[in-house]
């Protein structure tokens, strides 16, 4: 006599299924954003940008904060 087997429902028919992202799905976009931000804030290219000097000082302060937190 064989015992009945329990077959779980198809994943698409389950209700309340939680989806978990892998660690790299959150880290890679954050790293890309940080890299682009550092490229924008590179002080070597600041002389080419025109405009209000207060904006340049703001960018320099943000860069110092980002670099200080990274170390």
N, C-alpha and C. Protein backbone atom coordinates (compact mmCIF):
# COMPACT_ATOMS: atom_id res chain seq x y z
N UNK A 1 0.85 -1.17 0.00
CA UNK A 1 0.00 0.00 0.00
C UNK A 1 0.90 1.24 0.00
N UNK A 2 0.68 2.14 -0.91
CA UNK A 2 1.51 3.34 -1.00
C UNK A 2 0.89 4.48 -0.21
N UNK A 3 1.74 5.29 0.37
CA UNK A 3 1.28 6.45 1.15
C UNK A 3 1.05 7.62 0.20
N UNK A 4 0.02 8.40 0.46
CA UNK A 4 -0.21 9.57 -0.40
C UNK A 4 0.92 10.60 -0.20
N UNK A 5 1.32 11.20 -1.29
CA UNK A 5 2.37 12.23 -1.22
C UNK A 5 1.73 13.61 -1.29
N UNK A 6 2.32 14.51 -0.56
CA UNK A 6 1.84 15.89 -0.58
C UNK A 6 2.63 16.68 -1.62
N UNK A 7 1.96 17.20 -2.59
CA UNK A 7 2.60 18.00 -3.64
C UNK A 7 2.28 19.47 -3.35
N UNK A 8 3.31 20.30 -3.11
CA UNK A 8 3.06 21.71 -2.84
C UNK A 8 2.48 22.40 -4.07
N UNK A 9 1.68 23.41 -3.86
CA UNK A 9 1.11 24.12 -5.01
C UNK A 9 2.21 24.82 -5.82
N UNK A 10 1.89 25.11 -7.05
CA UNK A 10 2.82 25.80 -7.94
C UNK A 10 3.17 27.16 -7.33
N UNK A 11 4.43 27.61 -7.42
CA UNK A 11 4.81 28.89 -6.80
C UNK A 11 3.98 30.08 -7.26
N UNK A 12 3.49 30.07 -8.47
CA UNK A 12 2.69 31.20 -8.96
C UNK A 12 1.32 31.24 -8.29
N UNK A 13 0.88 30.12 -7.73
CA UNK A 13 -0.46 30.11 -7.13
C UNK A 13 -0.43 30.35 -5.63
N UNK A 14 0.77 30.40 -5.02
CA UNK A 14 0.86 30.67 -3.59
C UNK A 14 0.50 32.11 -3.30
N UNK A 15 -0.03 32.33 -2.12
CA UNK A 15 -0.36 33.70 -1.72
C UNK A 15 0.59 34.10 -0.60
N UNK A 16 0.98 35.37 -0.59
CA UNK A 16 1.85 35.87 0.45
C UNK A 16 3.29 35.40 0.33
N UNK A 17 3.74 35.16 -0.87
CA UNK A 17 5.12 34.72 -1.07
C UNK A 17 6.04 35.92 -0.92
N UNK A 18 7.07 35.77 -0.09
CA UNK A 18 8.03 36.85 0.09
C UNK A 18 9.18 36.68 -0.89
N UNK A 19 9.57 37.77 -1.52
CA UNK A 19 10.69 37.75 -2.44
C UNK A 19 11.87 38.41 -1.76
N UNK A 20 12.98 37.70 -1.70
CA UNK A 20 14.19 38.24 -1.08
C UNK A 20 15.20 38.51 -2.17
N UNK A 21 15.78 39.72 -2.12
CA UNK A 21 16.80 40.09 -3.08
C UNK A 21 18.16 39.59 -2.61
N UNK A 22 19.01 39.20 -3.53
CA UNK A 22 20.37 38.85 -3.13
C UNK A 22 21.12 40.10 -2.69
N UNK A 23 22.19 39.94 -1.94
CA UNK A 23 22.92 41.08 -1.38
C UNK A 23 23.44 42.00 -2.47
N UNK A 24 23.85 41.45 -3.60
CA UNK A 24 24.45 42.27 -4.64
C UNK A 24 23.42 43.13 -5.36
N UNK A 25 22.14 42.77 -5.26
CA UNK A 25 21.10 43.57 -5.91
C UNK A 25 20.93 44.92 -5.24
N UNK A 26 21.35 45.03 -4.00
CA UNK A 26 21.31 46.31 -3.29
C UNK A 26 22.67 46.99 -3.29
N UNK A 27 23.74 46.22 -3.22
CA UNK A 27 25.07 46.80 -3.10
C UNK A 27 25.55 47.40 -4.43
N UNK A 28 25.33 46.70 -5.53
CA UNK A 28 25.84 47.20 -6.81
C UNK A 28 25.26 48.55 -7.22
N UNK A 29 23.95 48.78 -7.11
CA UNK A 29 23.46 50.13 -7.44
C UNK A 29 24.01 51.20 -6.49
N UNK A 30 24.18 50.86 -5.22
CA UNK A 30 24.74 51.82 -4.27
C UNK A 30 26.19 52.15 -4.64
N UNK A 31 26.98 51.15 -5.02
CA UNK A 31 28.36 51.40 -5.44
C UNK A 31 28.42 52.22 -6.72
N UNK A 32 27.53 51.93 -7.65
CA UNK A 32 27.50 52.70 -8.89
C UNK A 32 27.14 54.15 -8.62
N UNK A 33 26.18 54.39 -7.73
CA UNK A 33 25.80 55.75 -7.39
C UNK A 33 26.97 56.47 -6.74
N UNK A 34 27.66 55.81 -5.81
CA UNK A 34 28.79 56.44 -5.13
C UNK A 34 29.92 56.75 -6.12
N UNK A 35 30.17 55.83 -7.04
CA UNK A 35 31.23 56.07 -8.03
C UNK A 35 30.89 57.26 -8.93
N UNK A 36 29.66 57.34 -9.38
CA UNK A 36 29.26 58.48 -10.21
C UNK A 36 29.29 59.78 -9.43
N UNK A 37 28.90 59.74 -8.17
CA UNK A 37 28.94 60.93 -7.34
C UNK A 37 30.38 61.41 -7.16
N UNK A 38 31.31 60.49 -6.93
CA UNK A 38 32.71 60.88 -6.79
C UNK A 38 33.28 61.43 -8.10
N UNK A 39 32.83 60.89 -9.23
CA UNK A 39 33.28 61.44 -10.51
C UNK A 39 32.78 62.87 -10.70
N UNK A 40 31.57 63.13 -10.27
CA UNK A 40 31.01 64.47 -10.40
C UNK A 40 31.73 65.45 -9.48
N UNK A 41 32.10 64.98 -8.30
CA UNK A 41 32.68 65.84 -7.29
C UNK A 41 34.20 65.94 -7.38
N UNK A 42 34.81 65.41 -8.42
CA UNK A 42 36.26 65.44 -8.56
C UNK A 42 36.74 66.88 -8.63
N UNK A 43 37.53 67.35 -7.65
CA UNK A 43 37.95 68.75 -7.64
C UNK A 43 38.92 69.09 -8.77
N UNK A 44 39.55 68.12 -9.40
CA UNK A 44 40.46 68.40 -10.51
C UNK A 44 39.72 68.99 -11.70
N UNK A 45 38.46 68.66 -11.85
CA UNK A 45 37.67 69.18 -12.96
C UNK A 45 36.82 70.38 -12.55
N UNK A 46 36.99 70.88 -11.34
CA UNK A 46 36.13 71.96 -10.86
C UNK A 46 36.39 73.27 -11.60
N UNK A 47 37.60 73.47 -12.12
CA UNK A 47 37.90 74.72 -12.81
C UNK A 47 37.12 74.85 -14.12
N UNK A 48 36.68 73.75 -14.70
CA UNK A 48 35.95 73.79 -15.96
C UNK A 48 34.49 74.15 -15.75
N UNK A 49 34.02 74.02 -14.53
CA UNK A 49 32.61 74.30 -14.25
C UNK A 49 32.45 75.78 -13.91
N UNK A 50 31.51 76.41 -14.57
CA UNK A 50 31.23 77.81 -14.26
C UNK A 50 30.04 77.89 -13.34
N UNK A 51 29.79 79.07 -12.83
CA UNK A 51 28.62 79.24 -11.99
C UNK A 51 28.96 79.78 -10.62
N UNK A 52 28.04 79.62 -9.72
CA UNK A 52 28.15 80.14 -8.37
C UNK A 52 29.23 79.39 -7.59
N UNK A 53 30.17 80.11 -6.95
CA UNK A 53 31.21 79.42 -6.19
C UNK A 53 30.65 78.70 -4.96
N UNK A 54 29.50 79.10 -4.48
CA UNK A 54 28.90 78.42 -3.33
C UNK A 54 28.54 76.98 -3.68
N UNK A 55 28.15 76.75 -4.91
CA UNK A 55 27.81 75.38 -5.34
C UNK A 55 29.07 74.52 -5.31
N UNK A 56 30.19 75.07 -5.76
CA UNK A 56 31.45 74.33 -5.73
C UNK A 56 31.88 74.00 -4.31
N UNK A 57 31.71 74.96 -3.39
CA UNK A 57 32.04 74.71 -1.99
C UNK A 57 31.14 73.63 -1.41
N UNK A 58 29.87 73.66 -1.78
CA UNK A 58 28.94 72.63 -1.31
C UNK A 58 29.37 71.25 -1.79
N UNK A 59 29.74 71.15 -3.07
CA UNK A 59 30.20 69.88 -3.61
C UNK A 59 31.47 69.40 -2.91
N UNK A 60 32.39 70.32 -2.61
CA UNK A 60 33.61 69.95 -1.91
C UNK A 60 33.31 69.43 -0.51
N UNK A 61 32.36 70.05 0.17
CA UNK A 61 31.99 69.59 1.52
C UNK A 61 31.35 68.20 1.46
N UNK A 62 30.51 67.97 0.47
CA UNK A 62 29.88 66.66 0.32
C UNK A 62 30.96 65.61 0.03
N UNK A 63 31.92 65.96 -0.80
CA UNK A 63 33.00 65.02 -1.11
C UNK A 63 33.80 64.70 0.14
N UNK A 64 34.11 65.70 0.95
CA UNK A 64 34.86 65.46 2.18
C UNK A 64 34.08 64.55 3.12
N UNK A 65 32.78 64.75 3.20
CA UNK A 65 31.95 63.90 4.06
C UNK A 65 31.96 62.47 3.55
N UNK A 66 31.80 62.30 2.23
CA UNK A 66 31.78 60.95 1.65
C UNK A 66 33.12 60.26 1.84
N UNK A 67 34.20 60.96 1.60
CA UNK A 67 35.52 60.36 1.74
C UNK A 67 35.86 60.09 3.19
N UNK A 68 35.41 60.93 4.10
CA UNK A 68 35.66 60.72 5.52
C UNK A 68 34.91 59.51 6.04
N UNK A 69 33.68 59.30 5.59
CA UNK A 69 32.88 58.17 6.05
C UNK A 69 33.40 56.87 5.45
N UNK A 70 34.03 56.92 4.29
CA UNK A 70 34.52 55.72 3.64
C UNK A 70 35.78 55.17 4.29
N UNK A 71 36.49 55.99 5.05
CA UNK A 71 37.74 55.50 5.65
C UNK A 71 37.58 55.09 7.09
